[in-house]
Amino acid sequence: MDMFTLPDGTVTSDAGSAAEQWAAAFYIARDALSVIRPVPELILGGKPVRNLDEILCECDGALSIGDK
């Protein structure tokens, strides 16, 4: 029996569910990266990053896919 590790670190034997959860995690992570990419430039430019907590929560969202 094949086992698949999910984005949250748990394991399942359901290949379809694993594929769906990894796809969802990928798109969440991609969206989070697009938001976080400009942050270093803002910091280096001395500009405030007012929504850093929201950005980090969005990144953490990729890890929560599959949590029950």
C-alpha atoms as a PDB file:
ATOM      1  CA  MET A   1       0.000   0.000   0.000  1.00  0.00           C
ATOM      2  CA  ASP A   2       1.377   3.392  -1.020  1.00  0.00           C
ATOM      3  CA  MET A   3       1.447   6.139   1.589  1.00  0.00           C
ATOM      4  CA  PHE A   4       1.514   9.856   0.822  1.00  0.00           C
ATOM      5  CA  THR A   5       2.755  12.655   3.051  1.00  0.00           C
ATOM      6  CA  LEU A   6       0.394  15.626   3.175  1.00  0.00           C
ATOM      7  CA  PRO A   7       1.414  19.295   3.410  1.00  0.00           C
ATOM      8  CA  ASP A   8       0.662  19.288   7.144  1.00  0.00           C
ATOM      9  CA  GLY A   9       3.060  16.381   7.688  1.00  0.00           C
ATOM     10  CA  THR A  10       0.449  13.685   8.221  1.00  0.00           C
ATOM     11  CA  VAL A  11       0.286  10.583   6.044  1.00  0.00           C
ATOM     12  CA  THR A  12      -2.575   9.075   4.053  1.00  0.00           C
ATOM     13  CA  SER A  13      -3.122   6.182   1.695  1.00  0.00           C
ATOM     14  CA  ASP A  14      -5.672   8.205  -0.341  1.00  0.00           C
ATOM     15  CA  ALA A  15      -3.782   9.317  -3.455  1.00  0.00           C
ATOM     16  CA  GLY A  16      -6.608  11.560  -4.682  1.00  0.00           C
ATOM     17  CA  SER A  17      -6.914  13.420  -1.421  1.00  0.00           C
ATOM     18  CA  ALA A  18      -3.145  13.847  -1.224  1.00  0.00           C
ATOM     19  CA  ALA A  19      -3.015  15.250  -4.754  1.00  0.00           C
ATOM     20  CA  GLU A  20      -5.828  17.707  -4.016  1.00  0.00           C
ATOM     21  CA  GLN A  21      -4.226  18.881  -0.777  1.00  0.00           C
ATOM     22  CA  TRP A  22      -0.807  19.340  -2.393  1.00  0.00           C
ATOM     23  CA  ALA A  23      -2.366  21.263  -5.286  1.00  0.00           C
ATOM     24  CA  ALA A  24      -4.206  23.551  -2.852  1.00  0.00           C
ATOM     25  CA  ALA A  25      -1.031  24.055  -0.811  1.00  0.00           C
ATOM     26  CA  PHE A  26       0.924  24.905  -3.963  1.00  0.00           C
ATOM     27  CA  TYR A  27      -1.501  27.647  -4.987  1.00  0.00           C
ATOM     28  CA  ILE A  28      -1.649  29.073  -1.469  1.00  0.00           C
ATOM     29  CA  ALA A  29       2.159  29.109  -1.281  1.00  0.00           C
ATOM     30  CA  ARG A  30       2.442  30.675  -4.744  1.00  0.00           C
ATOM     31  CA  ASP A  31       0.042  33.444  -3.765  1.00  0.00           C
ATOM     32  CA  ALA A  32       1.855  34.001  -0.472  1.00  0.00           C
ATOM     33  CA  LEU A  33       5.205  34.266  -2.252  1.00  0.00           C
ATOM     34  CA  SER A  34       3.856  36.890  -4.622  1.00  0.00           C
ATOM     35  CA  VAL A  35       2.869  38.960  -1.591  1.00  0.00           C
ATOM     36  CA  ILE A  36       6.099  38.437   0.351  1.00  0.00           C
ATOM     37  CA  ARG A  37       8.561  39.031  -2.513  1.00  0.00           C
ATOM     38  CA  PRO A  38       8.515  42.866  -2.258  1.00  0.00           C
ATOM     39  CA  VAL A  39       9.017  42.863   1.539  1.00  0.00           C
ATOM     40  CA  PRO A  40      12.862  42.821   1.577  1.00  0.00           C
ATOM     41  CA  GLU A  41      12.985  45.729  -0.865  1.00  0.00           C
ATOM     42  CA  LEU A  42      10.540  47.694   1.273  1.00  0.00           C
ATOM     43  CA  ILE A  43      12.608  47.028   4.394  1.00  0.00           C
ATOM     44  CA  LEU A  44      15.878  47.953   2.672  1.00  0.00           C
ATOM     45  CA  GLY A  45      14.233  51.126   1.365  1.00  0.00           C
ATOM     46  CA  GLY A  46      13.212  52.089   4.888  1.00  0.00           C
ATOM     47  CA  LYS A  47       9.538  51.769   4.038  1.00  0.00           C
ATOM     48  CA  PRO A  48       7.103  50.249   6.528  1.00  0.00           C
ATOM     49  CA  VAL A  49       5.689  46.781   6.050  1.00  0.00           C
ATOM     50  CA  ARG A  50       2.361  47.199   7.771  1.00  0.00           C
ATOM     51  CA  ASN A  51       0.829  43.878   6.775  1.00  0.00           C
ATOM     52  CA  LEU A  52       3.718  41.539   7.610  1.00  0.00           C
ATOM     53  CA  ASP A  53       1.579  39.595  10.086  1.00  0.00           C
ATOM     54  CA  GLU A  54      -1.023  39.012   7.376  1.00  0.00           C
ATOM     55  CA  ILE A  55       1.671  37.931   4.930  1.00  0.00           C
ATOM     56  CA  LEU A  56       3.084  35.427   7.406  1.00  0.00           C
ATOM     57  CA  CYS A  57      -0.382  34.054   8.145  1.00  0.00           C
ATOM     58  CA  GLU A  58      -0.940  33.584   4.438  1.00  0.00           C
ATOM     59  CA  CYS A  59       2.326  31.637   4.207  1.00  0.00           C
ATOM     60  CA  ASP A  60       1.339  29.509   7.194  1.00  0.00           C
ATOM     61  CA  GLY A  61      -1.930  28.741   5.424  1.00  0.00           C
ATOM     62  CA  ALA A  62      -0.083  26.454   3.032  1.00  0.00           C
ATOM     63  CA  LEU A  63       0.971  24.310   5.971  1.00  0.00           C
ATOM     64  CA  SER A  64      -2.535  23.998   7.346  1.00  0.00           C
ATOM     65  CA  ILE A  65      -3.996  22.309   4.265  1.00  0.00           C
ATOM     66  CA  GLY A  66      -5.346  18.978   5.398  1.00  0.00           C
ATOM     67  CA  ASP A  67      -5.543  19.845   9.101  1.00  0.00           C
ATOM     68  CA  LYS A  68      -8.583  18.290  10.615  1.00  0.00           C
END
